[in-house]
Amino acid sequence: MIPGESEKHFQAEVTRFCKAVHARVYFTQRSKGSPEGWPDLIILKPPFMRIRELKTNTGGLSLPQRETIDLIKACTQFDVDVWRPRDWQRIVEELSA
């Protein structure tokens, strides 16, 4: 990263590279109104799912970012599914466990 390069430019470069290596990448287009603290990118290139916060060379993490990253690192199970309104009871059971 070039000194003084913005996070926005850095993210564009990382995203472009992900596409070049056939990794699927997710990011929030506009963070205004989104919960604070969530990392910038989710990158899928099986067998890995990488969750990354991007910073400039001198940028620091906010407290919510630090807390969210710590919570993600503490997760030891990976669960992916689809929920529909008809699954409400199962949703309640899974989230209450």
PDB file of N, CA and C in Angstrom:
ATOM      1  N   MET A   1       0.843  -1.180   0.000  1.00  0.00           N
ATOM      2  CA  MET A   1       0.000   0.000   0.000  1.00  0.00           C
ATOM      3  C   MET A   1       0.884   1.238   0.000  1.00  0.00           C
ATOM      4  N   ILE A   2       0.562   2.141  -0.837  1.00  0.00           N
ATOM      5  CA  ILE A   2       1.320   3.381  -0.947  1.00  0.00           C
ATOM      6  C   ILE A   2       1.044   4.250   0.281  1.00  0.00           C
ATOM      7  N   PRO A   3       2.099   4.815   0.913  1.00  0.00           N
ATOM      8  CA  PRO A   3       1.856   5.681   2.069  1.00  0.00           C
ATOM      9  C   PRO A   3       0.840   6.772   1.726  1.00  0.00           C
ATOM     10  N   GLY A   4      -0.115   6.977   2.616  1.00  0.00           N
ATOM     11  CA  GLY A   4      -1.133   7.988   2.405  1.00  0.00           C
ATOM     12  C   GLY A   4      -2.317   7.509   1.576  1.00  0.00           C
ATOM     13  N   GLU A   5      -2.253   6.272   1.073  1.00  0.00           N
ATOM     14  CA  GLU A   5      -3.346   5.732   0.274  1.00  0.00           C
ATOM     15  C   GLU A   5      -4.586   5.570   1.152  1.00  0.00           C
ATOM     16  N   SER A   6      -5.740   5.869   0.614  1.00  0.00           N
ATOM     17  CA  SER A   6      -6.976   5.811   1.391  1.00  0.00           C
ATOM     18  C   SER A   6      -7.454   4.368   1.544  1.00  0.00           C
ATOM     19  N   GLU A   7      -8.268   4.145   2.592  1.00  0.00           N
ATOM     20  CA  GLU A   7      -8.881   2.830   2.778  1.00  0.00           C
ATOM     21  C   GLU A   7      -9.781   2.487   1.599  1.00  0.00           C
ATOM     22  N   LYS A   8     -10.464   3.481   1.066  1.00  0.00           N
ATOM     23  CA  LYS A   8     -11.357   3.263  -0.078  1.00  0.00           C
ATOM     24  C   LYS A   8     -10.573   2.719  -1.273  1.00  0.00           C
ATOM     25  N   HIS A   9      -9.446   3.333  -1.584  1.00  0.00           N
ATOM     26  CA  HIS A   9      -8.613   2.874  -2.701  1.00  0.00           C
ATOM     27  C   HIS A   9      -8.046   1.493  -2.412  1.00  0.00           C
ATOM     28  N   PHE A  10      -7.581   1.280  -1.199  1.00  0.00           N
ATOM     29  CA  PHE A  10      -7.043  -0.016  -0.790  1.00  0.00           C
ATOM     30  C   PHE A  10      -8.104  -1.108  -0.955  1.00  0.00           C
ATOM     31  N   GLN A  11      -9.326  -0.815  -0.504  1.00  0.00           N
ATOM     32  CA  GLN A  11     -10.409  -1.792  -0.621  1.00  0.00           C
ATOM     33  C   GLN A  11     -10.709  -2.098  -2.090  1.00  0.00           C
ATOM     34  N   ALA A  12     -10.689  -1.094  -2.935  1.00  0.00           N
ATOM     35  CA  ALA A  12     -10.924  -1.310  -4.364  1.00  0.00           C
ATOM     36  C   ALA A  12      -9.863  -2.226  -4.957  1.00  0.00           C
ATOM     37  N   GLU A  13      -8.614  -2.040  -4.543  1.00  0.00           N
ATOM     38  CA  GLU A  13      -7.531  -2.889  -5.045  1.00  0.00           C
ATOM     39  C   GLU A  13      -7.679  -4.331  -4.554  1.00  0.00           C
ATOM     40  N   VAL A  14      -8.001  -4.496  -3.276  1.00  0.00           N
ATOM     41  CA  VAL A  14      -8.196  -5.852  -2.732  1.00  0.00           C
ATOM     42  C   VAL A  14      -9.374  -6.524  -3.435  1.00  0.00           C
ATOM     43  N   THR A  15     -10.461  -5.799  -3.612  1.00  0.00           N
ATOM     44  CA  THR A  15     -11.648  -6.341  -4.279  1.00  0.00           C
ATOM     45  C   THR A  15     -11.334  -6.743  -5.717  1.00  0.00           C
ATOM     46  N   ARG A  16     -10.623  -5.905  -6.410  1.00  0.00           N
ATOM     47  CA  ARG A  16     -10.221  -6.203  -7.791  1.00  0.00           C
ATOM     48  C   ARG A  16      -9.373  -7.477  -7.834  1.00  0.00           C
ATOM     49  N   PHE A  17      -8.443  -7.607  -6.886  1.00  0.00           N
ATOM     50  CA  PHE A  17      -7.589  -8.803  -6.857  1.00  0.00           C
ATOM     51  C   PHE A  17      -8.409 -10.051  -6.542  1.00  0.00           C
ATOM     52  N   CYS A  18      -9.368  -9.926  -5.618  1.00  0.00           N
ATOM     53  CA  CYS A  18     -10.231 -11.068  -5.301  1.00  0.00           C
ATOM     54  C   CYS A  18     -10.925 -11.582  -6.564  1.00  0.00           C
ATOM     55  N   LYS A  19     -11.441 -10.666  -7.361  1.00  0.00           N
ATOM     56  CA  LYS A  19     -12.102 -11.062  -8.607  1.00  0.00           C
ATOM     57  C   LYS A  19     -11.122 -11.748  -9.551  1.00  0.00           C
ATOM     58  N   ALA A  20      -9.891 -11.243  -9.609  1.00  0.00           N
ATOM     59  CA  ALA A  20      -8.879 -11.814 -10.501  1.00  0.00           C
ATOM     60  C   ALA A  20      -8.518 -13.252 -10.122  1.00  0.00           C
ATOM     61  N   VAL A  21      -8.581 -13.555  -8.827  1.00  0.00           N
ATOM     62  CA  VAL A  21      -8.233 -14.916  -8.378  1.00  0.00           C
ATOM     63  C   VAL A  21      -9.486 -15.753  -8.120  1.00  0.00           C
ATOM     64  N   HIS A  22     -10.628 -15.268  -8.622  1.00  0.00           N
ATOM     65  CA  HIS A  22     -11.903 -15.989  -8.544  1.00  0.00           C
ATOM     66  C   HIS A  22     -12.373 -16.224  -7.112  1.00  0.00           C
ATOM     67  N   ALA A  23     -12.122 -15.254  -6.260  1.00  0.00           N
ATOM     68  CA  ALA A  23     -12.663 -15.281  -4.900  1.00  0.00           C
ATOM     69  C   ALA A  23     -13.900 -14.394  -4.901  1.00  0.00           C
ATOM     70  N   ARG A  24     -14.944 -14.833  -4.223  1.00  0.00           N
ATOM     71  CA  ARG A  24     -16.157 -14.021  -4.123  1.00  0.00           C
ATOM     72  C   ARG A  24     -16.002 -13.107  -2.916  1.00  0.00           C
ATOM     73  N   VAL A  25     -16.300 -11.841  -3.117  1.00  0.00           N
ATOM     74  CA  VAL A  25     -16.085 -10.865  -2.051  1.00  0.00           C
ATOM     75  C   VAL A  25     -17.376 -10.088  -1.792  1.00  0.00           C
ATOM     76  N   TYR A  26     -17.655  -9.836  -0.507  1.00  0.00           N
ATOM     77  CA  TYR A  26     -18.802  -9.042  -0.096  1.00  0.00           C
ATOM     78  C   TYR A  26     -18.304  -7.842   0.692  1.00  0.00           C
ATOM     79  N   PHE A  27     -18.948  -6.703   0.449  1.00  0.00           N
ATOM     80  CA  PHE A  27     -18.707  -5.513   1.257  1.00  0.00           C
ATOM     81  C   PHE A  27     -19.966  -4.677   1.243  1.00  0.00           C
ATOM     82  N   THR A  28     -20.148  -3.882   2.269  1.00  0.00           N
ATOM     83  CA  THR A  28     -21.285  -2.988   2.355  1.00  0.00           C
ATOM     84  C   THR A  28     -20.990  -1.760   1.505  1.00  0.00           C
ATOM     85  N   GLN A  29     -21.891  -1.434   0.587  1.00  0.00           N
ATOM     86  CA  GLN A  29     -21.681  -0.283  -0.304  1.00  0.00           C
ATOM     87  C   GLN A  29     -21.624   1.032   0.468  1.00  0.00           C
ATOM     88  N   ARG A  30     -22.616   1.223   1.335  1.00  0.00           N
ATOM     89  CA  ARG A  30     -22.683   2.460   2.124  1.00  0.00           C
ATOM     90  C   ARG A  30     -22.905   2.072   3.582  1.00  0.00           C
ATOM     91  N   SER A  31     -21.978   2.424   4.420  1.00  0.00           N
ATOM     92  CA  SER A  31     -22.080   2.000   5.815  1.00  0.00           C
ATOM     93  C   SER A  31     -23.039   2.858   6.634  1.00  0.00           C
ATOM     94  N   LYS A  32     -23.460   3.984   6.104  1.00  0.00           N
ATOM     95  CA  LYS A  32     -24.383   4.851   6.837  1.00  0.00           C
ATOM     96  C   LYS A  32     -25.671   4.072   7.141  1.00  0.00           C
ATOM     97  N   GLY A  33     -26.000   3.991   8.418  1.00  0.00           N
ATOM     98  CA  GLY A  33     -27.182   3.256   8.843  1.00  0.00           C
ATOM     99  C   GLY A  33     -26.912   1.804   9.176  1.00  0.00           C
ATOM    100  N   SER A  34     -25.715   1.305   8.848  1.00  0.00           N
ATOM    101  CA  SER A  34     -25.346  -0.072   9.183  1.00  0.00           C
ATOM    102  C   SER A  34     -24.782  -0.123  10.593  1.00  0.00           C
ATOM    103  N   PRO A  35     -24.919  -1.271  11.274  1.00  0.00           N
ATOM    104  CA  PRO A  35     -24.329  -1.384  12.615  1.00  0.00           C
ATOM    105  C   PRO A  35     -22.815  -1.137  12.558  1.00  0.00           C
ATOM    106  N   GLU A  36     -22.324  -0.423  13.557  1.00  0.00           N
ATOM    107  CA  GLU A  36     -20.891  -0.115  13.568  1.00  0.00           C
ATOM    108  C   GLU A  36     -20.067  -1.317  14.006  1.00  0.00           C
ATOM    109  N   GLY A  37     -18.829  -1.320  13.586  1.00  0.00           N
ATOM    110  CA  GLY A  37     -17.888  -2.323  14.062  1.00  0.00           C
ATOM    111  C   GLY A  37     -17.666  -3.511  13.145  1.00  0.00           C
ATOM    112  N   TRP A  38     -18.501  -3.662  12.121  1.00  0.00           N
ATOM    113  CA  TRP A  38     -18.361  -4.838  11.254  1.00  0.00           C
ATOM    114  C   TRP A  38     -17.187  -4.681  10.307  1.00  0.00           C
ATOM    115  N   PRO A  39     -16.427  -5.772  10.086  1.00  0.00           N
ATOM    116  CA  PRO A  39     -15.286  -5.720   9.169  1.00  0.00           C
ATOM    117  C   PRO A  39     -15.706  -5.351   7.745  1.00  0.00           C
ATOM    118  N   ASP A  40     -14.746  -4.879   6.970  1.00  0.00           N
ATOM    119  CA  ASP A  40     -14.999  -4.365   5.632  1.00  0.00           C
ATOM    120  C   ASP A  40     -15.344  -5.436   4.601  1.00  0.00           C
ATOM    121  N   LEU A  41     -14.658  -6.569   4.659  1.00  0.00           N
ATOM    122  CA  LEU A  41     -14.805  -7.569   3.594  1.00  0.00           C
ATOM    123  C   LEU A  41     -15.063  -8.968   4.133  1.00  0.00           C
ATOM    124  N   ILE A  42     -15.867  -9.702   3.393  1.00  0.00           N
ATOM    125  CA  ILE A  42     -15.995 -11.145   3.586  1.00  0.00           C
ATOM    126  C   ILE A  42     -15.572 -11.743   2.253  1.00  0.00           C
ATOM    127  N   ILE A  43     -14.558 -12.579   2.292  1.00  0.00           N
ATOM    128  CA  ILE A  43     -13.975 -13.142   1.079  1.00  0.00           C
ATOM    129  C   ILE A  43     -14.141 -14.651   1.116  1.00  0.00           C
ATOM    130  N   LEU A  44     -14.779 -15.198   0.080  1.00  0.00           N
ATOM    131  CA  LEU A  44     -14.991 -16.639  -0.009  1.00  0.00           C
ATOM    132  C   LEU A  44     -14.132 -17.218  -1.117  1.00  0.00           C
ATOM    133  N   LYS A  45     -13.226 -18.078  -0.717  1.00  0.00           N
ATOM    134  CA  LYS A  45     -12.443 -18.868  -1.657  1.00  0.00           C
ATOM    135  C   LYS A  45     -12.184 -20.192  -0.939  1.00  0.00           C
ATOM    136  N   PRO A  46     -13.154 -21.131  -1.099  1.00  0.00           N
ATOM    137  CA  PRO A  46     -13.079 -22.385  -0.352  1.00  0.00           C
ATOM    138  C   PRO A  46     -11.695 -23.023  -0.447  1.00  0.00           C
ATOM    139  N   PRO A  47     -11.236 -23.577   0.678  1.00  0.00           N
ATOM    140  CA  PRO A  47     -11.995 -23.877   1.885  1.00  0.00           C
ATOM    141  C   PRO A  47     -12.040 -22.724   2.895  1.00  0.00           C
ATOM    142  N   PHE A  48     -11.620 -21.535   2.510  1.00  0.00           N
ATOM    143  CA  PHE A  48     -11.557 -20.434   3.466  1.00  0.00           C
ATOM    144  C   PHE A  48     -12.662 -19.408   3.270  1.00  0.00           C
ATOM    145  N   MET A  49     -13.138 -18.891   4.373  1.00  0.00           N
ATOM    146  CA  MET A  49     -13.931 -17.683   4.412  1.00  0.00           C
ATOM    147  C   MET A  49     -13.099 -16.708   5.240  1.00  0.00           C
ATOM    148  N   ARG A  50     -12.650 -15.658   4.608  1.00  0.00           N
ATOM    149  CA  ARG A  50     -11.816 -14.675   5.301  1.00  0.00           C
ATOM    150  C   ARG A  50     -12.645 -13.427   5.586  1.00  0.00           C
ATOM    151  N   ILE A  51     -12.567 -12.965   6.801  1.00  0.00           N
ATOM    152  CA  ILE A  51     -13.265 -11.752   7.222  1.00  0.00           C
ATOM    153  C   ILE A  51     -12.177 -10.741   7.554  1.00  0.00           C
ATOM    154  N   ARG A  52     -12.178  -9.622   6.862  1.00  0.00           N
ATOM    155  CA  ARG A  52     -11.072  -8.687   7.005  1.00  0.00           C
ATOM    156  C   ARG A  52     -11.545  -7.246   7.201  1.00  0.00           C
ATOM    157  N   GLU A  53     -10.892  -6.558   8.116  1.00  0.00           N
ATOM    158  CA  GLU A  53     -11.018  -5.118   8.287  1.00  0.00           C
ATOM    159  C   GLU A  53      -9.810  -4.514   7.586  1.00  0.00           C
ATOM    160  N   LEU A  54     -10.016  -3.509   6.783  1.00  0.00           N
ATOM    161  CA  LEU A  54      -8.925  -2.859   6.071  1.00  0.00           C
ATOM    162  C   LEU A  54      -8.634  -1.504   6.704  1.00  0.00           C
ATOM    163  N   LYS A  55      -7.356  -1.214   6.877  1.00  0.00           N
ATOM    164  CA  LYS A  55      -6.913   0.059   7.449  1.00  0.00           C
ATOM    165  C   LYS A  55      -5.724   0.582   6.652  1.00  0.00           C
ATOM    166  N   THR A  56      -5.524   1.879   6.715  1.00  0.00           N
ATOM    167  CA  THR A  56      -4.311   2.451   6.148  1.00  0.00           C
ATOM    168  C   THR A  56      -3.139   2.010   7.027  1.00  0.00           C
ATOM    169  N   ASN A  57      -1.942   2.312   6.610  1.00  0.00           N
ATOM    170  CA  ASN A  57      -0.774   1.932   7.403  1.00  0.00           C
ATOM    171  C   ASN A  57      -0.770   2.562   8.786  1.00  0.00           C
ATOM    172  N   THR A  58      -1.460   3.662   8.944  1.00  0.00           N
ATOM    173  CA  THR A  58      -1.473   4.337  10.241  1.00  0.00           C
ATOM    174  C   THR A  58      -2.846   4.298  10.913  1.00  0.00           C
ATOM    175  N   GLY A  59      -3.830   3.711  10.260  1.00  0.00           N
ATOM    176  CA  GLY A  59      -5.190   3.689  10.803  1.00  0.00           C
ATOM    177  C   GLY A  59      -5.334   2.727  11.971  1.00  0.00           C
ATOM    178  N   GLY A  60      -6.144   3.110  12.940  1.00  0.00           N
ATOM    179  CA  GLY A  60      -6.387   2.270  14.107  1.00  0.00           C
ATOM    180  C   GLY A  60      -7.806   1.731  14.109  1.00  0.00           C
ATOM    181  N   LEU A  61      -8.029   0.720  14.933  1.00  0.00           N
ATOM    182  CA  LEU A  61      -9.360   0.135  15.077  1.00  0.00           C
ATOM    183  C   LEU A  61     -10.174   0.919  16.102  1.00  0.00           C
ATOM    184  N   SER A  62     -11.443   1.087  15.816  1.00  0.00           N
ATOM    185  CA  SER A  62     -12.343   1.671  16.809  1.00  0.00           C
ATOM    186  C   SER A  62     -12.668   0.587  17.836  1.00  0.00           C
ATOM    187  N   LEU A  63     -13.197   0.974  18.968  1.00  0.00           N
ATOM    188  CA  LEU A  63     -13.586   0.005  19.988  1.00  0.00           C
ATOM    189  C   LEU A  63     -14.616  -0.987  19.439  1.00  0.00           C
ATOM    190  N   PRO A  64     -15.690  -0.534  18.744  1.00  0.00           N
ATOM    191  CA  PRO A  64     -16.640  -1.500  18.190  1.00  0.00           C
ATOM    192  C   PRO A  64     -15.996  -2.459  17.180  1.00  0.00           C
ATOM    193  N   GLN A  65     -15.045  -1.979  16.392  1.00  0.00           N
ATOM    194  CA  GLN A  65     -14.344  -2.862  15.449  1.00  0.00           C
ATOM    195  C   GLN A  65     -13.535  -3.910  16.198  1.00  0.00           C
ATOM    196  N   ARG A  66     -12.811  -3.483  17.220  1.00  0.00           N
ATOM    197  CA  ARG A  66     -12.012  -4.410  18.024  1.00  0.00           C
ATOM    198  C   ARG A  66     -12.908  -5.462  18.674  1.00  0.00           C
ATOM    199  N   GLU A  67     -14.034  -5.023  19.242  1.00  0.00           N
ATOM    200  CA  GLU A  67     -14.955  -5.947  19.915  1.00  0.00           C
ATOM    201  C   GLU A  67     -15.556  -6.948  18.929  1.00  0.00           C
ATOM    202  N   THR A  68     -15.964  -6.474  17.753  1.00  0.00           N
ATOM    203  CA  THR A  68     -16.551  -7.373  16.754  1.00  0.00           C
ATOM    204  C   THR A  68     -15.534  -8.380  16.260  1.00  0.00           C
ATOM    205  N   ILE A  69     -14.330  -7.938  15.977  1.00  0.00           N
ATOM    206  CA  ILE A  69     -13.278  -8.852  15.521  1.00  0.00           C
ATOM    207  C   ILE A  69     -12.992  -9.898  16.592  1.00  0.00           C
ATOM    208  N   ASP A  70     -12.933  -9.497  17.853  1.00  0.00           N
ATOM    209  CA  ASP A  70     -12.709 -10.454  18.945  1.00  0.00           C
ATOM    210  C   ASP A  70     -13.846 -11.466  19.037  1.00  0.00           C
ATOM    211  N   LEU A  71     -15.093 -11.011  18.873  1.00  0.00           N
ATOM    212  CA  LEU A  71     -16.238 -11.928  18.903  1.00  0.00           C
ATOM    213  C   LEU A  71     -16.182 -12.925  17.748  1.00  0.00           C
ATOM    214  N   ILE A  72     -15.837 -12.447  16.560  1.00  0.00           N
ATOM    215  CA  ILE A  72     -15.726 -13.348  15.408  1.00  0.00           C
ATOM    216  C   ILE A  72     -14.626 -14.372  15.653  1.00  0.00           C
ATOM    217  N   LYS A  73     -13.486 -13.937  16.162  1.00  0.00           N
ATOM    218  CA  LYS A  73     -12.382 -14.859  16.435  1.00  0.00           C
ATOM    219  C   LYS A  73     -12.755 -15.904  17.483  1.00  0.00           C
ATOM    220  N   ALA A  74     -13.664 -15.570  18.400  1.00  0.00           N
ATOM    221  CA  ALA A  74     -14.074 -16.505  19.455  1.00  0.00           C
ATOM    222  C   ALA A  74     -15.059 -17.560  18.957  1.00  0.00           C
ATOM    223  N   CYS A  75     -15.618 -17.362  17.782  1.00  0.00           N
ATOM    224  CA  CYS A  75     -16.574 -18.343  17.238  1.00  0.00           C
ATOM    225  C   CYS A  75     -15.817 -19.571  16.740  1.00  0.00           C
ATOM    226  N   THR A  76     -16.255 -20.736  17.187  1.00  0.00           N
ATOM    227  CA  THR A  76     -15.579 -21.974  16.805  1.00  0.00           C
ATOM    228  C   THR A  76     -16.445 -22.861  15.915  1.00  0.00           C
ATOM    229  N   GLN A  77     -17.659 -22.440  15.655  1.00  0.00           N
ATOM    230  CA  GLN A  77     -18.540 -23.221  14.789  1.00  0.00           C
ATOM    231  C   GLN A  77     -19.034 -22.335  13.661  1.00  0.00           C
ATOM    232  N   PHE A  78     -19.226 -22.955  12.540  1.00  0.00           N
ATOM    233  CA  PHE A  78     -19.644 -22.247  11.341  1.00  0.00           C
ATOM    234  C   PHE A  78     -20.985 -22.822  10.923  1.00  0.00           C
ATOM    235  N   ASP A  79     -21.997 -21.993  10.814  1.00  0.00           N
ATOM    236  CA  ASP A  79     -23.347 -22.455  10.516  1.00  0.00           C
ATOM    237  C   ASP A  79     -23.946 -21.571   9.429  1.00  0.00           C
ATOM    238  N   VAL A  80     -24.374 -22.187   8.343  1.00  0.00           N
ATOM    239  CA  VAL A  80     -24.985 -21.453   7.248  1.00  0.00           C
ATOM    240  C   VAL A  80     -26.297 -22.136   6.904  1.00  0.00           C
ATOM    241  N   ASP A  81     -27.347 -21.349   6.737  1.00  0.00           N
ATOM    242  CA  ASP A  81     -28.653 -21.905   6.407  1.00  0.00           C
ATOM    243  C   ASP A  81     -29.519 -20.795   5.836  1.00  0.00           C
ATOM    244  N   VAL A  82     -30.724 -21.147   5.468  1.00  0.00           N
ATOM    245  CA  VAL A  82     -31.718 -20.187   4.991  1.00  0.00           C
ATOM    246  C   VAL A  82     -32.858 -20.178   5.987  1.00  0.00           C
ATOM    247  N   TRP A  83     -33.289 -19.009   6.384  1.00  0.00           N
ATOM    248  CA  TRP A  83     -34.454 -18.876   7.269  1.00  0.00           C
ATOM    249  C   TRP A  83     -35.584 -18.224   6.495  1.00  0.00           C
ATOM    250  N   ARG A  84     -36.797 -18.717   6.757  1.00  0.00           N
ATOM    251  CA  ARG A  84     -38.009 -18.150   6.180  1.00  0.00           C
ATOM    252  C   ARG A  84     -38.976 -17.859   7.323  1.00  0.00           C
ATOM    253  N   PRO A  85     -39.967 -17.013   7.083  1.00  0.00           N
ATOM    254  CA  PRO A  85     -40.920 -16.724   8.163  1.00  0.00           C
ATOM    255  C   PRO A  85     -41.533 -17.981   8.781  1.00  0.00           C
ATOM    256  N   ARG A  86     -41.768 -19.012   7.968  1.00  0.00           N
ATOM    257  CA  ARG A  86     -42.369 -20.241   8.495  1.00  0.00           C
ATOM    258  C   ARG A  86     -41.437 -20.996   9.441  1.00  0.00           C
ATOM    259  N   ASP A  87     -40.173 -20.599   9.486  1.00  0.00           N
ATOM    260  CA  ASP A  87     -39.182 -21.241  10.358  1.00  0.00           C
ATOM    261  C   ASP A  87     -39.063 -20.539  11.700  1.00  0.00           C
ATOM    262  N   TRP A  88     -39.983 -19.649  12.030  1.00  0.00           N
ATOM    263  CA  TRP A  88     -39.833 -18.802  13.209  1.00  0.00           C
ATOM    264  C   TRP A  88     -39.514 -19.586  14.468  1.00  0.00           C
ATOM    265  N   GLN A  89     -40.205 -20.687  14.713  1.00  0.00           N
ATOM    266  CA  GLN A  89     -39.952 -21.475  15.925  1.00  0.00           C
ATOM    267  C   GLN A  89     -38.523 -22.001  15.941  1.00  0.00           C
ATOM    268  N   ARG A  90     -38.056 -22.483  14.804  1.00  0.00           N
ATOM    269  CA  ARG A  90     -36.670 -22.976  14.704  1.00  0.00           C
ATOM    270  C   ARG A  90     -35.687 -21.826  14.912  1.00  0.00           C
ATOM    271  N   ILE A  91     -35.997 -20.658  14.389  1.00  0.00           N
ATOM    272  CA  ILE A  91     -35.135 -19.483  14.575  1.00  0.00           C
ATOM    273  C   ILE A  91     -34.999 -19.152  16.047  1.00  0.00           C
ATOM    274  N   VAL A  92     -36.139 -19.117  16.741  1.00  0.00           N
ATOM    275  CA  VAL A  92     -36.147 -18.826  18.177  1.00  0.00           C
ATOM    276  C   VAL A  92     -35.322 -19.877  18.919  1.00  0.00           C
ATOM    277  N   GLU A  93     -35.504 -21.147  18.592  1.00  0.00           N
ATOM    278  CA  GLU A  93     -34.784 -22.229  19.272  1.00  0.00           C
ATOM    279  C   GLU A  93     -33.276 -22.122  19.028  1.00  0.00           C
ATOM    280  N   GLU A  94     -32.892 -21.881  17.773  1.00  0.00           N
ATOM    281  CA  GLU A  94     -31.465 -21.803  17.458  1.00  0.00           C
ATOM    282  C   GLU A  94     -30.807 -20.618  18.153  1.00  0.00           C
ATOM    283  N   LEU A  95     -31.471 -19.480  18.142  1.00  0.00           N
ATOM    284  CA  LEU A  95     -30.865 -18.279  18.728  1.00  0.00           C
ATOM    285  C   LEU A  95     -30.931 -18.259  20.249  1.00  0.00           C
ATOM    286  N   SER A  96     -31.810 -19.077  20.824  1.00  0.00           N
ATOM    287  CA  SER A  96     -31.936 -19.136  22.281  1.00  0.00           C
ATOM    288  C   SER A  96     -31.037 -20.192  22.905  1.00  0.00           C
ATOM    289  N   ALA A  97     -30.446 -21.042  22.066  1.00  0.00           N
ATOM    290  CA  ALA A  97     -29.610 -22.150  22.575  1.00  0.00           C
ATOM    291  C   ALA A  97     -28.327 -21.629  23.201  1.00  0.00           C
TER     292      ALA A  97
END
